[in-house]
Amino acid sequence: MKIKLASLVVVLFTILSCNAQTKKMSLEPKKGKAIAVFAEGCFWCSEHVFEAVVGVDEAVSGYSGGNVKNPSYEMVGSNRTGHAEAVAVFYDPKVVSFKELVDVFFASQDPTTPNQQGPDKGSSYRSIAFYKNVVEKKIIEDKIKELTANKVFANPIVTEVKPVSEFYEAESYHQDYVKNNPNQPYVKGVSIPRYNKFKKTYKGKLKPKS
């Protein structure tokens, strides 16, 4: 009896999901703190960028925006789960605002390339600004209108604006990847140049020696 290819894919995904080293992370912040979620291409660089911003306590690499539970890196990279590589940014709203983090988000990527960021292609690398409430949604939409009106980018912005739901923390070896793997070819050739470009254009406060 022949098994359809679609059925094999479902079975494979199920097996991989059971073996995944990911876990659903709570997006409820500690008292006096806040959490924002963004997707802007490879999370190695995104994590490095946000952790350089004054007021950010930590950025955690993970997966969001999809419909499969406990997705692994390989599953997300297949572009079949709906997830994008993302970062959960833990910050102090008394020091840095959500609006400023949205500025960081748009200053550290090219939001005009659908399903692509630099050399990385596929829906898992798409640009998404997640929001928790109508206030955050308006901040994101106003920023897009501002950038469009000022013609900051030559092409139309394709960033998705979506409510955040589930966030899965990525496998441990992805965390602090740029810091822990400074000589890795992709880090040297893509992550660091992208980060340095961000530092030249971003007008907000960055941590010393970042």
N, C-alpha and C. Protein backbone atom coordinates (compact mmCIF):
# COMPACT_ATOMS: atom_id res chain seq x y z
N MET A 1 0.85 -1.20 0.00
CA MET A 1 0.00 0.00 0.00
C MET A 1 0.88 1.24 0.00
N LYS A 2 0.65 2.12 -0.96
CA LYS A 2 1.46 3.31 -1.07
C LYS A 2 0.98 4.39 -0.09
N ILE A 3 1.96 5.07 0.49
CA ILE A 3 1.64 6.16 1.40
C ILE A 3 1.91 7.47 0.68
N LYS A 4 0.98 8.38 0.70
CA LYS A 4 1.16 9.65 0.01
C LYS A 4 2.29 10.46 0.64
N LEU A 5 2.94 11.25 -0.21
CA LEU A 5 4.08 12.06 0.23
C LEU A 5 3.68 12.99 1.37
N ALA A 6 2.47 13.57 1.29
CA ALA A 6 2.01 14.49 2.34
C ALA A 6 1.95 13.79 3.69
N SER A 7 1.54 12.53 3.68
CA SER A 7 1.45 11.76 4.92
C SER A 7 2.83 11.51 5.51
N LEU A 8 3.79 11.25 4.61
CA LEU A 8 5.16 11.04 5.08
C LEU A 8 5.72 12.29 5.72
N VAL A 9 5.39 13.43 5.14
CA VAL A 9 5.86 14.71 5.68
C VAL A 9 5.30 14.92 7.08
N VAL A 10 4.01 14.63 7.26
CA VAL A 10 3.37 14.78 8.58
C VAL A 10 4.05 13.88 9.60
N VAL A 11 4.31 12.63 9.21
CA VAL A 11 4.96 11.68 10.11
C VAL A 11 6.35 12.17 10.48
N LEU A 12 7.10 12.64 9.48
CA LEU A 12 8.46 13.13 9.72
C LEU A 12 8.45 14.31 10.67
N PHE A 13 7.53 15.24 10.45
CA PHE A 13 7.42 16.41 11.32
C PHE A 13 7.09 16.00 12.74
N THR A 14 6.23 15.00 12.88
CA THR A 14 5.84 14.54 14.21
C THR A 14 7.03 13.97 14.96
N ILE A 15 7.82 13.17 14.24
CA ILE A 15 9.00 12.57 14.86
C ILE A 15 10.00 13.64 15.27
N LEU A 16 10.25 14.58 14.36
CA LEU A 16 11.20 15.66 14.66
C LEU A 16 10.71 16.51 15.82
N SER A 17 9.39 16.74 15.86
CA SER A 17 8.82 17.56 16.94
C SER A 17 9.04 16.91 18.29
N CYS A 18 8.91 15.58 18.33
CA CYS A 18 9.08 14.87 19.59
C CYS A 18 10.53 14.94 20.07
N ASN A 19 11.47 15.02 19.09
CA ASN A 19 12.88 15.04 19.45
C ASN A 19 13.44 16.45 19.56
N ALA A 20 12.61 17.46 19.32
CA ALA A 20 13.09 18.83 19.33
C ALA A 20 13.56 19.25 20.71
N GLN A 21 14.56 20.10 20.72
CA GLN A 21 15.10 20.60 21.97
C GLN A 21 14.53 21.97 22.30
N THR A 22 13.42 22.31 21.71
CA THR A 22 12.81 23.61 21.93
C THR A 22 11.72 23.50 22.99
N LYS A 23 11.35 24.64 23.54
CA LYS A 23 10.28 24.67 24.53
C LYS A 23 9.53 25.98 24.43
N LYS A 24 8.25 25.92 24.69
CA LYS A 24 7.42 27.12 24.68
C LYS A 24 7.83 28.01 25.84
N MET A 25 8.03 29.29 25.55
CA MET A 25 8.48 30.23 26.57
C MET A 25 7.37 31.19 26.95
N SER A 26 7.25 31.47 28.22
CA SER A 26 6.25 32.41 28.69
C SER A 26 6.61 33.82 28.25
N LEU A 27 5.60 34.55 27.78
CA LEU A 27 5.81 35.93 27.39
C LEU A 27 5.23 36.90 28.42
N GLU A 28 5.05 36.38 29.64
CA GLU A 28 4.60 37.22 30.75
C GLU A 28 5.85 37.75 31.47
N PRO A 29 6.10 39.04 31.42
CA PRO A 29 7.32 39.60 32.01
C PRO A 29 7.27 39.69 33.53
N LYS A 30 8.43 39.82 34.12
CA LYS A 30 8.51 40.05 35.56
C LYS A 30 8.03 41.47 35.87
N LYS A 31 7.68 41.73 37.10
CA LYS A 31 7.17 43.03 37.49
C LYS A 31 8.17 44.13 37.14
N GLY A 32 7.70 45.15 36.49
CA GLY A 32 8.55 46.27 36.12
C GLY A 32 9.31 46.07 34.82
N LYS A 33 9.15 44.90 34.19
CA LYS A 33 9.85 44.60 32.95
C LYS A 33 8.84 44.40 31.82
N ALA A 34 9.36 44.21 30.61
CA ALA A 34 8.49 44.00 29.46
C ALA A 34 9.20 43.09 28.46
N ILE A 35 8.42 42.51 27.55
CA ILE A 35 8.95 41.61 26.53
C ILE A 35 8.37 41.99 25.18
N ALA A 36 9.23 42.07 24.18
CA ALA A 36 8.80 42.34 22.81
C ALA A 36 9.36 41.24 21.92
N VAL A 37 8.65 40.93 20.84
CA VAL A 37 9.09 39.87 19.93
C VAL A 37 9.20 40.43 18.51
N PHE A 38 10.33 40.13 17.87
CA PHE A 38 10.57 40.58 16.50
C PHE A 38 11.20 39.47 15.68
N ALA A 39 10.91 39.45 14.38
CA ALA A 39 11.56 38.54 13.45
C ALA A 39 12.13 39.39 12.32
N GLU A 40 13.41 39.22 12.05
CA GLU A 40 14.06 40.05 11.03
C GLU A 40 15.22 39.31 10.37
N GLY A 41 14.99 38.06 10.03
CA GLY A 41 16.06 37.27 9.42
C GLY A 41 16.76 36.41 10.46
N CYS A 42 17.98 36.01 10.17
CA CYS A 42 18.73 35.13 11.06
C CYS A 42 18.77 35.66 12.49
N PHE A 43 18.33 34.83 13.45
CA PHE A 43 18.25 35.32 14.83
C PHE A 43 19.61 35.46 15.51
N TRP A 44 20.66 34.92 14.92
CA TRP A 44 22.00 35.10 15.52
C TRP A 44 22.35 36.58 15.60
N CYS A 45 22.15 37.27 14.47
CA CYS A 45 22.47 38.69 14.43
C CYS A 45 21.44 39.52 15.17
N SER A 46 20.16 39.15 15.05
CA SER A 46 19.10 39.91 15.72
C SER A 46 19.32 39.95 17.22
N GLU A 47 19.67 38.81 17.79
CA GLU A 47 19.94 38.72 19.22
C GLU A 47 21.09 39.64 19.60
N HIS A 48 22.15 39.61 18.80
CA HIS A 48 23.34 40.43 19.05
C HIS A 48 22.99 41.92 18.99
N VAL A 49 22.16 42.30 18.03
CA VAL A 49 21.76 43.69 17.87
C VAL A 49 20.98 44.19 19.08
N PHE A 50 19.92 43.48 19.44
CA PHE A 50 19.06 43.96 20.52
C PHE A 50 19.77 43.97 21.87
N GLU A 51 20.66 43.02 22.09
CA GLU A 51 21.37 42.99 23.37
C GLU A 51 22.37 44.14 23.52
N ALA A 52 22.65 44.83 22.42
CA ALA A 52 23.57 45.98 22.47
C ALA A 52 22.85 47.27 22.88
N VAL A 53 21.53 47.23 22.92
CA VAL A 53 20.74 48.43 23.19
C VAL A 53 20.60 48.67 24.70
N VAL A 54 20.85 49.88 25.11
CA VAL A 54 20.70 50.25 26.52
C VAL A 54 19.25 50.02 26.96
N GLY A 55 19.07 49.34 28.07
CA GLY A 55 17.74 49.05 28.59
C GLY A 55 17.26 47.64 28.29
N VAL A 56 17.98 46.95 27.39
CA VAL A 56 17.64 45.56 27.08
C VAL A 56 18.43 44.63 28.01
N ASP A 57 17.74 43.79 28.73
CA ASP A 57 18.39 42.86 29.65
C ASP A 57 18.90 41.61 28.93
N GLU A 58 18.10 41.15 27.98
CA GLU A 58 18.45 39.91 27.29
C GLU A 58 17.59 39.74 26.04
N ALA A 59 18.15 39.10 25.03
CA ALA A 59 17.38 38.72 23.85
C ALA A 59 17.54 37.22 23.67
N VAL A 60 16.43 36.53 23.51
CA VAL A 60 16.44 35.07 23.39
C VAL A 60 16.04 34.67 21.97
N SER A 61 16.85 33.86 21.33
CA SER A 61 16.54 33.39 19.98
C SER A 61 15.47 32.31 20.03
N GLY A 62 14.57 32.34 19.06
CA GLY A 62 13.51 31.35 19.04
C GLY A 62 12.70 31.39 17.76
N TYR A 63 11.50 30.83 17.84
CA TYR A 63 10.63 30.71 16.67
C TYR A 63 9.22 31.18 17.02
N SER A 64 8.63 31.96 16.12
CA SER A 64 7.28 32.45 16.37
C SER A 64 6.55 32.66 15.05
N GLY A 65 5.24 32.76 15.14
CA GLY A 65 4.43 33.05 13.96
C GLY A 65 3.96 31.84 13.19
N GLY A 66 4.21 30.62 13.71
CA GLY A 66 3.85 29.41 12.99
C GLY A 66 2.70 28.64 13.61
N ASN A 67 2.53 27.40 13.16
CA ASN A 67 1.39 26.60 13.62
C ASN A 67 1.77 25.17 14.00
N VAL A 68 3.06 24.94 14.28
CA VAL A 68 3.52 23.62 14.70
C VAL A 68 4.10 23.74 16.11
N LYS A 69 3.74 22.83 16.99
CA LYS A 69 4.24 22.89 18.36
C LYS A 69 5.67 22.38 18.45
N ASN A 70 6.45 23.04 19.30
CA ASN A 70 7.84 22.65 19.56
C ASN A 70 8.66 22.42 18.30
N PRO A 71 8.69 23.39 17.41
CA PRO A 71 9.44 23.21 16.16
C PRO A 71 10.95 23.22 16.40
N SER A 72 11.65 22.43 15.64
CA SER A 72 13.11 22.42 15.73
C SER A 72 13.69 23.37 14.68
N TYR A 73 14.97 23.63 14.77
CA TYR A 73 15.66 24.49 13.81
C TYR A 73 15.51 23.94 12.40
N GLU A 74 15.66 22.64 12.26
CA GLU A 74 15.54 22.01 10.95
C GLU A 74 14.12 22.13 10.40
N MET A 75 13.13 21.97 11.27
CA MET A 75 11.74 22.09 10.84
C MET A 75 11.43 23.50 10.37
N VAL A 76 11.85 24.48 11.13
CA VAL A 76 11.59 25.88 10.77
C VAL A 76 12.32 26.21 9.46
N GLY A 77 13.55 25.72 9.33
CA GLY A 77 14.32 25.97 8.13
C GLY A 77 13.75 25.35 6.87
N SER A 78 12.84 24.38 7.03
CA SER A 78 12.19 23.77 5.87
C SER A 78 11.11 24.69 5.30
N ASN A 79 10.77 25.75 6.03
CA ASN A 79 9.75 26.72 5.63
C ASN A 79 8.36 26.09 5.50
N ARG A 80 8.11 25.04 6.29
CA ARG A 80 6.82 24.37 6.24
C ARG A 80 6.00 24.56 7.51
N THR A 81 6.57 25.14 8.54
CA THR A 81 5.85 25.25 9.81
C THR A 81 5.16 26.60 9.99
N GLY A 82 5.49 27.56 9.15
CA GLY A 82 4.92 28.90 9.28
C GLY A 82 5.70 29.79 10.22
N HIS A 83 6.65 29.21 10.94
CA HIS A 83 7.43 30.01 11.89
C HIS A 83 8.51 30.84 11.19
N ALA A 84 8.91 31.90 11.88
CA ALA A 84 10.06 32.69 11.45
C ALA A 84 11.07 32.67 12.59
N GLU A 85 12.34 32.75 12.25
CA GLU A 85 13.35 32.91 13.29
C GLU A 85 13.09 34.26 13.95
N ALA A 86 13.02 34.28 15.26
CA ALA A 86 12.64 35.49 15.98
C ALA A 86 13.45 35.66 17.25
N VAL A 87 13.31 36.82 17.89
CA VAL A 87 13.94 37.06 19.18
C VAL A 87 12.91 37.62 20.15
N ALA A 88 12.95 37.14 21.38
CA ALA A 88 12.14 37.69 22.46
C ALA A 88 13.05 38.64 23.23
N VAL A 89 12.70 39.90 23.23
CA VAL A 89 13.55 40.93 23.83
C VAL A 89 13.02 41.30 25.21
N PHE A 90 13.80 41.00 26.25
CA PHE A 90 13.44 41.33 27.62
C PHE A 90 14.05 42.70 27.94
N TYR A 91 13.20 43.66 28.32
CA TYR A 91 13.72 45.02 28.51
C TYR A 91 13.05 45.75 29.67
N ASP A 92 13.67 46.83 30.05
CA ASP A 92 13.17 47.70 31.11
C ASP A 92 12.48 48.90 30.46
N PRO A 93 11.15 48.97 30.49
CA PRO A 93 10.43 50.07 29.82
C PRO A 93 10.70 51.45 30.43
N LYS A 94 11.32 51.47 31.60
CA LYS A 94 11.67 52.76 32.19
C LYS A 94 12.94 53.33 31.55
N VAL A 95 13.69 52.45 30.87
CA VAL A 95 14.95 52.85 30.25
C VAL A 95 14.84 52.93 28.73
N VAL A 96 14.18 51.96 28.14
CA VAL A 96 13.99 51.95 26.68
C VAL A 96 12.54 51.60 26.39
N SER A 97 11.93 52.34 25.48
CA SER A 97 10.51 52.13 25.18
C SER A 97 10.31 51.13 24.05
N PHE A 98 9.08 50.65 23.93
CA PHE A 98 8.74 49.76 22.82
C PHE A 98 8.96 50.49 21.50
N LYS A 99 8.63 51.76 21.48
CA LYS A 99 8.82 52.57 20.26
C LYS A 99 10.29 52.57 19.84
N GLU A 100 11.19 52.70 20.80
CA GLU A 100 12.62 52.68 20.48
C GLU A 100 13.05 51.32 19.96
N LEU A 101 12.48 50.26 20.51
CA LEU A 101 12.82 48.92 20.04
C LEU A 101 12.32 48.71 18.60
N VAL A 102 11.20 49.33 18.27
CA VAL A 102 10.71 49.27 16.89
C VAL A 102 11.69 50.01 15.98
N ASP A 103 12.26 51.10 16.47
CA ASP A 103 13.29 51.81 15.70
C ASP A 103 14.50 50.90 15.44
N VAL A 104 14.90 50.17 16.48
CA VAL A 104 16.01 49.22 16.36
C VAL A 104 15.68 48.16 15.31
N PHE A 105 14.47 47.66 15.38
CA PHE A 105 14.01 46.62 14.46
C PHE A 105 14.16 47.05 13.00
N PHE A 106 13.69 48.24 12.68
CA PHE A 106 13.75 48.70 11.29
C PHE A 106 15.13 49.18 10.88
N ALA A 107 15.96 49.55 11.86
CA ALA A 107 17.31 50.02 11.54
C ALA A 107 18.30 48.88 11.34
N SER A 108 17.91 47.67 11.72
CA SER A 108 18.85 46.54 11.69
C SER A 108 18.51 45.49 10.63
N GLN A 109 17.73 45.87 9.64
CA GLN A 109 17.34 44.91 8.60
C GLN A 109 16.92 45.66 7.35
N ASP A 110 16.63 44.89 6.30
CA ASP A 110 16.01 45.44 5.10
C ASP A 110 14.58 44.92 5.09
N PRO A 111 13.61 45.75 5.48
CA PRO A 111 12.22 45.27 5.58
C PRO A 111 11.48 45.24 4.25
N THR A 112 12.22 45.39 3.15
CA THR A 112 11.56 45.43 1.84
C THR A 112 11.75 44.14 1.04
N THR A 113 12.45 43.17 1.61
CA THR A 113 12.71 41.93 0.88
C THR A 113 11.81 40.81 1.41
N PRO A 114 10.78 40.43 0.68
CA PRO A 114 9.87 39.38 1.17
C PRO A 114 10.56 38.03 1.28
N ASN A 115 10.37 37.40 2.45
CA ASN A 115 10.94 36.06 2.68
C ASN A 115 12.44 36.02 2.42
N GLN A 116 13.12 37.06 2.82
CA GLN A 116 14.57 37.10 2.62
C GLN A 116 15.20 38.16 3.51
N GLN A 117 16.40 37.87 3.99
CA GLN A 117 17.22 38.85 4.68
C GLN A 117 18.66 38.54 4.30
N GLY A 118 19.24 39.42 3.47
CA GLY A 118 20.59 39.18 2.99
C GLY A 118 20.64 37.90 2.17
N PRO A 119 21.60 37.01 2.48
CA PRO A 119 21.73 35.76 1.71
C PRO A 119 20.73 34.68 2.11
N ASP A 120 19.98 34.91 3.18
CA ASP A 120 19.05 33.90 3.69
C ASP A 120 17.68 34.07 3.05
N LYS A 121 17.20 33.01 2.42
CA LYS A 121 15.92 33.07 1.73
C LYS A 121 14.95 32.02 2.27
N GLY A 122 13.67 32.37 2.29
CA GLY A 122 12.64 31.46 2.78
C GLY A 122 11.73 32.19 3.77
N SER A 123 10.54 31.68 3.97
CA SER A 123 9.58 32.34 4.85
C SER A 123 10.06 32.41 6.30
N SER A 124 10.97 31.54 6.68
CA SER A 124 11.48 31.57 8.06
C SER A 124 12.36 32.78 8.30
N TYR A 125 12.71 33.50 7.23
CA TYR A 125 13.54 34.70 7.37
C TYR A 125 12.76 35.98 7.08
N ARG A 126 11.43 35.88 7.07
CA ARG A 126 10.62 37.06 6.76
C ARG A 126 10.62 38.05 7.93
N SER A 127 10.25 39.27 7.61
CA SER A 127 10.22 40.35 8.60
C SER A 127 8.83 40.43 9.26
N ILE A 128 8.80 40.32 10.59
CA ILE A 128 7.54 40.41 11.33
C ILE A 128 7.74 41.25 12.58
N ALA A 129 6.88 42.23 12.78
CA ALA A 129 6.85 43.00 14.02
C ALA A 129 5.62 42.54 14.79
N PHE A 130 5.84 41.88 15.90
CA PHE A 130 4.74 41.35 16.71
C PHE A 130 4.27 42.39 17.73
N TYR A 131 2.99 42.35 18.05
CA TYR A 131 2.45 43.28 19.05
C TYR A 131 1.60 42.51 20.06
N LYS A 132 1.50 43.09 21.28
CA LYS A 132 0.69 42.48 22.33
C LYS A 132 -0.65 43.19 22.53
N ASN A 133 -0.72 44.44 22.08
CA ASN A 133 -1.94 45.22 22.28
C ASN A 133 -2.07 46.27 21.18
N VAL A 134 -3.20 46.99 21.21
CA VAL A 134 -3.47 47.97 20.15
C VAL A 134 -2.49 49.13 20.17
N VAL A 135 -1.97 49.46 21.35
CA VAL A 135 -0.99 50.55 21.45
C VAL A 135 0.28 50.18 20.70
N GLU A 136 0.78 48.97 20.93
CA GLU A 136 1.99 48.52 20.24
C GLU A 136 1.75 48.40 18.74
N LYS A 137 0.58 47.93 18.37
CA LYS A 137 0.25 47.81 16.95
C LYS A 137 0.30 49.16 16.26
N LYS A 138 -0.25 50.18 16.91
CA LYS A 138 -0.26 51.53 16.32
C LYS A 138 1.16 52.08 16.20
N ILE A 139 2.00 51.80 17.20
CA ILE A 139 3.38 52.27 17.16
C ILE A 139 4.10 51.69 15.93
N ILE A 140 3.89 50.40 15.69
CA ILE A 140 4.52 49.75 14.54
C ILE A 140 3.98 50.34 13.24
N GLU A 141 2.66 50.45 13.13
CA GLU A 141 2.05 50.96 11.90
C GLU A 141 2.45 52.41 11.64
N ASP A 142 2.54 53.22 12.69
CA ASP A 142 2.97 54.61 12.53
C ASP A 142 4.42 54.69 12.04
N LYS A 143 5.26 53.78 12.53
CA LYS A 143 6.66 53.76 12.11
C LYS A 143 6.75 53.40 10.63
N ILE A 144 5.96 52.45 10.19
CA ILE A 144 5.97 52.07 8.78
C ILE A 144 5.51 53.23 7.91
N LYS A 145 4.49 53.94 8.36
CA LYS A 145 4.01 55.11 7.62
C LYS A 145 5.08 56.19 7.55
N GLU A 146 5.78 56.40 8.66
CA GLU A 146 6.85 57.40 8.70
C GLU A 146 7.99 57.05 7.73
N LEU A 147 8.44 55.80 7.79
CA LEU A 147 9.53 55.36 6.91
C LEU A 147 9.12 55.44 5.44
N THR A 148 7.86 55.12 5.17
CA THR A 148 7.35 55.17 3.80
C THR A 148 7.26 56.61 3.30
N ALA A 149 6.73 57.49 4.14
CA ALA A 149 6.59 58.90 3.76
C ALA A 149 7.94 59.56 3.52
N ASN A 150 8.93 59.18 4.33
CA ASN A 150 10.27 59.77 4.20
C ASN A 150 11.13 59.06 3.16
N LYS A 151 10.57 58.03 2.53
CA LYS A 151 11.26 57.28 1.49
C LYS A 151 12.63 56.79 1.95
N VAL A 152 12.65 56.25 3.16
CA VAL A 152 13.89 55.72 3.74
C VAL A 152 14.37 54.51 2.94
N PHE A 153 13.44 53.72 2.44
CA PHE A 153 13.78 52.55 1.64
C PHE A 153 13.30 52.75 0.21
N ALA A 154 14.07 52.25 -0.74
CA ALA A 154 13.73 52.43 -2.15
C ALA A 154 12.50 51.63 -2.55
N ASN A 155 12.29 50.49 -1.89
CA ASN A 155 11.16 49.62 -2.21
C ASN A 155 10.13 49.60 -1.08
N PRO A 156 8.92 49.15 -1.34
CA PRO A 156 7.87 49.12 -0.31
C PRO A 156 8.23 48.19 0.85
N ILE A 157 7.84 48.58 2.04
CA ILE A 157 8.07 47.76 3.23
C ILE A 157 7.07 46.60 3.24
N VAL A 158 7.60 45.39 3.45
CA VAL A 158 6.74 44.20 3.43
C VAL A 158 6.63 43.54 4.80
N THR A 159 7.09 44.22 5.83
CA THR A 159 7.04 43.69 7.19
C THR A 159 5.61 43.33 7.59
N GLU A 160 5.43 42.14 8.13
CA GLU A 160 4.12 41.73 8.64
C GLU A 160 3.92 42.33 10.04
N VAL A 161 2.71 42.73 10.33
CA VAL A 161 2.37 43.23 11.67
C VAL A 161 1.36 42.25 12.24
N LYS A 162 1.79 41.46 13.24
CA LYS A 162 0.97 40.36 13.73
C LYS A 162 0.91 40.34 15.26
N PRO A 163 -0.21 39.87 15.81
CA PRO A 163 -0.29 39.69 17.27
C PRO A 163 0.61 38.53 17.67
N VAL A 164 1.34 38.68 18.74
CA VAL A 164 2.22 37.60 19.18
C VAL A 164 1.40 36.54 19.92
N SER A 165 1.71 35.29 19.65
CA SER A 165 1.00 34.22 20.34
C SER A 165 2.02 33.35 21.05
N GLU A 166 2.48 32.30 20.40
CA GLU A 166 3.44 31.41 21.05
C GLU A 166 4.86 31.70 20.58
N PHE A 167 5.78 31.59 21.51
CA PHE A 167 7.21 31.77 21.20
C PHE A 167 7.94 30.55 21.74
N TYR A 168 8.69 29.90 20.86
CA TYR A 168 9.46 28.72 21.26
C TYR A 168 10.94 29.07 21.32
N GLU A 169 11.53 28.88 22.48
CA GLU A 169 12.96 29.15 22.64
C GLU A 169 13.76 28.17 21.80
N ALA A 170 14.70 28.68 21.03
CA ALA A 170 15.52 27.84 20.16
C ALA A 170 16.49 26.98 20.96
N GLU A 171 17.07 26.02 20.29
CA GLU A 171 18.03 25.12 20.90
C GLU A 171 19.17 25.92 21.53
N SER A 172 19.74 25.37 22.60
CA SER A 172 20.72 26.11 23.40
C SER A 172 21.92 26.59 22.61
N TYR A 173 22.32 25.84 21.59
CA TYR A 173 23.53 26.25 20.86
C TYR A 173 23.31 27.50 20.01
N HIS A 174 22.05 27.90 19.82
CA HIS A 174 21.77 29.13 19.08
C HIS A 174 21.88 30.38 19.97
N GLN A 175 21.79 30.22 21.26
CA GLN A 175 21.78 31.37 22.16
C GLN A 175 23.19 31.99 22.24
N ASP A 176 23.23 33.35 22.17
CA ASP A 176 24.51 34.08 22.20
C ASP A 176 25.46 33.55 21.14
N TYR A 177 24.93 33.23 19.99
CA TYR A 177 25.74 32.56 18.97
C TYR A 177 26.90 33.42 18.46
N VAL A 178 26.63 34.69 18.18
CA VAL A 178 27.69 35.57 17.68
C VAL A 178 28.80 35.73 18.70
N LYS A 179 28.41 35.90 19.95
CA LYS A 179 29.38 36.05 21.03
C LYS A 179 30.22 34.79 21.21
N ASN A 180 29.59 33.64 21.12
CA ASN A 180 30.28 32.37 21.36
C ASN A 180 31.00 31.80 20.15
N ASN A 181 30.68 32.34 18.96
CA ASN A 181 31.28 31.80 17.74
C ASN A 181 31.78 32.93 16.83
N PRO A 182 32.67 33.78 17.32
CA PRO A 182 33.10 34.96 16.55
C PRO A 182 33.83 34.63 15.25
N ASN A 183 34.41 33.44 15.16
CA ASN A 183 35.17 33.08 13.96
C ASN A 183 34.40 32.19 12.99
N GLN A 184 33.14 31.93 13.30
CA GLN A 184 32.32 31.13 12.39
C GLN A 184 32.14 31.92 11.08
N PRO A 185 32.32 31.29 9.91
CA PRO A 185 32.27 32.01 8.63
C PRO A 185 31.03 32.87 8.41
N TYR A 186 29.84 32.34 8.75
CA TYR A 186 28.62 33.14 8.56
C TYR A 186 28.63 34.35 9.48
N VAL A 187 29.07 34.16 10.71
CA VAL A 187 29.14 35.27 11.66
C VAL A 187 30.08 36.36 11.15
N LYS A 188 31.24 35.96 10.67
CA LYS A 188 32.23 36.93 10.18
C LYS A 188 31.79 37.59 8.88
N GLY A 189 31.13 36.81 8.02
CA GLY A 189 30.78 37.33 6.71
C GLY A 189 29.43 38.01 6.59
N VAL A 190 28.49 37.67 7.52
CA VAL A 190 27.14 38.21 7.42
C VAL A 190 26.69 38.93 8.71
N SER A 191 26.77 38.22 9.84
CA SER A 191 26.24 38.77 11.09
C SER A 191 26.97 40.05 11.53
N ILE A 192 28.29 40.00 11.58
CA ILE A 192 29.07 41.15 12.05
C ILE A 192 28.94 42.34 11.11
N PRO A 193 29.06 42.17 9.79
CA PRO A 193 28.86 43.32 8.89
C PRO A 193 27.47 43.94 9.03
N ARG A 194 26.46 43.10 9.19
CA ARG A 194 25.09 43.62 9.37
C ARG A 194 24.99 44.40 10.68
N TYR A 195 25.62 43.89 11.71
CA TYR A 195 25.62 44.56 13.01
C TYR A 195 26.35 45.90 12.93
N ASN A 196 27.49 45.92 12.27
CA ASN A 196 28.27 47.16 12.15
C ASN A 196 27.52 48.21 11.34
N LYS A 197 26.78 47.76 10.34
CA LYS A 197 25.96 48.68 9.55
C LYS A 197 24.87 49.29 10.42
N PHE A 198 24.28 48.47 11.27
CA PHE A 198 23.25 48.95 12.20
C PHE A 198 23.82 50.02 13.13
N LYS A 199 25.01 49.79 13.67
CA LYS A 199 25.61 50.74 14.61
C LYS A 199 25.85 52.10 13.97
N LYS A 200 26.12 52.11 12.67
CA LYS A 200 26.38 53.37 11.98
C LYS A 200 25.11 54.18 11.73
N THR A 201 23.99 53.49 11.63
CA THR A 201 22.74 54.18 11.28
C THR A 201 21.82 54.43 12.48
N TYR A 202 21.93 53.62 13.51
CA TYR A 202 21.03 53.75 14.66
C TYR A 202 21.41 54.97 15.50
N LYS A 203 20.41 55.76 15.85
CA LYS A 203 20.63 57.01 16.58
C LYS A 203 20.41 56.89 18.09
N GLY A 204 19.94 55.75 18.55
CA GLY A 204 19.67 55.57 19.97
C GLY A 204 20.91 55.20 20.76
N LYS A 205 20.71 54.90 22.04
CA LYS A 205 21.82 54.60 22.93
C LYS A 205 22.20 53.13 22.88
N LEU A 206 23.51 52.88 22.75
CA LEU A 206 24.02 51.52 22.77
C LEU A 206 24.95 51.35 23.97
N LYS A 207 25.07 50.14 24.42
CA LYS A 207 25.93 49.86 25.58
C LYS A 207 27.39 50.08 25.22
N PRO A 208 28.21 50.49 26.19
CA PRO A 208 29.65 50.68 25.93
C PRO A 208 30.29 49.41 25.39
N LYS A 209 31.20 49.57 24.44
CA LYS A 209 31.97 48.48 23.85
C LYS A 209 31.06 47.47 23.16
N SER A 210 29.90 47.92 22.70
CA SER A 210 29.00 46.99 21.99
C SER A 210 29.42 46.89 20.54
